[in-house]
Amino acid sequence: MGCDVICEKPLVPSADLLDELVALEEETGRKVFNILQLRHHQAILDLKKKVATEQRDEKYDVELTYITSRGKWYMESWKGDPRKSFGVATNIGVHFLICCILYLAICRRMFCTMLMSTKLPVI
């Protein structure tokens, strides 16, 4: 089509497929952009500012527990299909990984627990 592309995350499930996207970009001169909107969340921006002003020589160990409730729609949408979303850790966890490692550059190690339920009340 001759245009750049904006894609929801996760972009691809493997490094091999990512290499294919890079090859397509080089071949066509067009770009594939990934949307990672959580990096603009005020809590993430506040954390980034706090970390930037601290006097610290070593990186942080981060322990994250993410518990969420999703309605039945979630499991019926593409996000609930691991063949399309590559699972909840990839679909949601990529935001935390990006924020902690790439945008904040604060992590030495990250331990992450993610629980998702369609039985918890949606708030």
Protein backbone atom coordinates (compact mmCIF):
# COMPACT_ATOMS: atom_id res chain seq x y z
CA MET A 1 0.00 0.00 0.00
CA GLY A 2 3.01 2.27 0.26
CA CYS A 3 2.38 3.61 3.74
CA ASP A 4 3.82 3.45 7.24
CA VAL A 5 1.96 1.23 9.73
CA ILE A 6 0.94 1.68 13.37
CA CYS A 7 0.49 -1.63 15.20
CA GLU A 8 -0.92 -2.63 18.56
CA LYS A 9 1.48 -4.51 20.78
CA PRO A 10 2.78 -7.14 20.84
CA LEU A 11 4.18 -6.59 17.40
CA VAL A 12 5.36 -10.18 16.85
CA PRO A 13 5.93 -13.22 19.10
CA SER A 14 9.52 -13.96 18.11
CA ALA A 15 12.81 -12.38 17.13
CA ASP A 16 12.67 -14.14 13.76
CA LEU A 17 9.40 -12.42 12.88
CA LEU A 18 10.80 -9.12 14.09
CA ASP A 19 13.75 -9.62 11.74
CA GLU A 20 11.22 -10.13 8.93
CA LEU A 21 9.56 -6.81 9.77
CA VAL A 22 12.93 -5.06 9.74
CA ALA A 23 13.66 -6.60 6.34
CA LEU A 24 10.30 -5.38 5.04
CA GLU A 25 11.02 -1.88 6.33
CA GLU A 26 14.37 -1.87 4.56
CA GLU A 27 12.85 -3.28 1.37
CA THR A 28 9.94 -0.82 1.23
CA GLY A 29 11.45 2.25 2.89
CA ARG A 30 8.37 2.33 5.15
CA LYS A 31 8.21 1.98 8.93
CA VAL A 32 6.24 -0.15 11.39
CA PHE A 33 5.51 1.71 14.63
CA ASN A 34 4.43 0.00 17.85
CA ILE A 35 1.94 1.68 20.20
CA LEU A 36 3.09 1.64 23.84
CA GLN A 37 0.77 4.22 25.36
CA LEU A 38 1.34 3.35 29.04
CA ARG A 39 4.67 5.18 28.94
CA HIS A 40 2.61 8.40 28.85
CA HIS A 41 0.66 7.53 32.03
CA GLN A 42 1.12 10.16 34.72
CA ALA A 43 2.22 7.61 37.35
CA ILE A 44 4.99 6.38 35.03
CA LEU A 45 6.08 9.94 34.24
CA ASP A 46 6.15 10.75 37.98
CA LEU A 47 8.24 7.65 38.68
CA LYS A 48 10.65 8.56 35.89
CA LYS A 49 11.07 12.06 37.37
CA LYS A 50 11.58 10.67 40.90
CA VAL A 51 14.22 8.20 39.72
CA ALA A 52 16.01 10.89 37.70
CA THR A 53 16.38 13.12 40.76
CA GLU A 54 17.65 10.39 43.14
CA GLN A 55 21.33 10.05 43.88
CA ARG A 56 21.80 6.33 43.27
CA ASP A 57 24.73 4.42 41.82
CA GLU A 58 23.07 1.06 41.21
CA LYS A 59 19.94 -0.02 39.41
CA TYR A 60 16.81 -1.23 41.16
CA ASP A 61 15.46 -4.72 41.69
CA VAL A 62 11.79 -4.45 40.73
CA GLU A 63 9.07 -6.76 41.97
CA LEU A 64 5.74 -6.20 40.26
CA THR A 65 2.44 -7.86 41.04
CA TYR A 66 -0.29 -7.08 38.54
CA ILE A 67 -3.79 -8.30 39.30
CA THR A 68 -6.58 -7.31 36.99
CA SER A 69 -10.14 -8.13 36.25
CA ARG A 70 -11.41 -8.33 32.71
CA GLY A 71 -14.95 -8.81 31.52
CA LYS A 72 -15.96 -11.75 29.33
CA TRP A 73 -15.41 -9.49 26.33
CA TYR A 74 -11.66 -9.70 26.94
CA MET A 75 -11.49 -13.45 26.46
CA GLU A 76 -13.74 -13.19 23.40
CA SER A 77 -11.64 -10.46 21.77
CA TRP A 78 -8.28 -10.88 20.05
CA LYS A 79 -6.60 -10.07 23.38
CA GLY A 80 -7.98 -13.28 24.91
CA ASP A 81 -6.67 -15.41 22.05
CA PRO A 82 -3.02 -16.37 22.76
CA ARG A 83 -2.46 -16.97 19.04
CA LYS A 84 -3.15 -13.28 18.42
CA SER A 85 -2.08 -11.56 21.66
CA PHE A 86 0.66 -14.06 22.60
CA GLY A 87 -0.75 -14.26 26.14
CA VAL A 88 -1.41 -11.85 28.97
CA ALA A 89 2.26 -11.53 29.96
CA THR A 90 3.12 -10.34 26.48
CA ASN A 91 -0.02 -8.32 25.90
CA ILE A 92 0.00 -6.43 29.21
CA GLY A 93 3.44 -7.19 30.61
CA VAL A 94 5.22 -5.52 27.72
CA HIS A 95 4.06 -2.15 29.10
CA PHE A 96 5.75 -2.77 32.44
CA LEU A 97 8.88 -4.12 30.82
CA ILE A 98 9.17 -1.14 28.49
CA CYS A 99 8.57 1.36 31.28
CA CYS A 100 11.02 -0.20 33.73
CA ILE A 101 13.83 -1.09 31.39
CA LEU A 102 13.72 1.11 28.32
CA TYR A 103 12.10 4.33 29.48
CA LEU A 104 13.20 4.49 33.10
CA ALA A 105 16.48 2.54 32.72
CA ILE A 106 16.21 1.55 36.37
CA CYS A 107 16.11 -2.25 36.39
CA ARG A 108 18.81 -4.73 37.18
CA ARG A 109 16.32 -7.54 37.73
CA MET A 110 12.57 -7.71 37.36
CA PHE A 111 10.29 -10.27 38.93
CA CYS A 112 6.76 -10.08 37.65
CA THR A 113 3.59 -11.87 38.68
CA MET A 114 0.50 -11.33 36.58
CA LEU A 115 -2.91 -12.68 37.39
CA MET A 116 -5.97 -12.14 35.27
CA SER A 117 -9.47 -13.27 36.01
CA THR A 118 -12.83 -12.91 34.33
CA LYS A 119 -14.43 -13.86 37.66
CA LEU A 120 -13.24 -10.85 39.68
CA PRO A 121 -15.55 -7.82 39.71
CA VAL A 122 -14.73 -5.29 37.02
CA ILE A 123 -14.19 -1.88 38.63
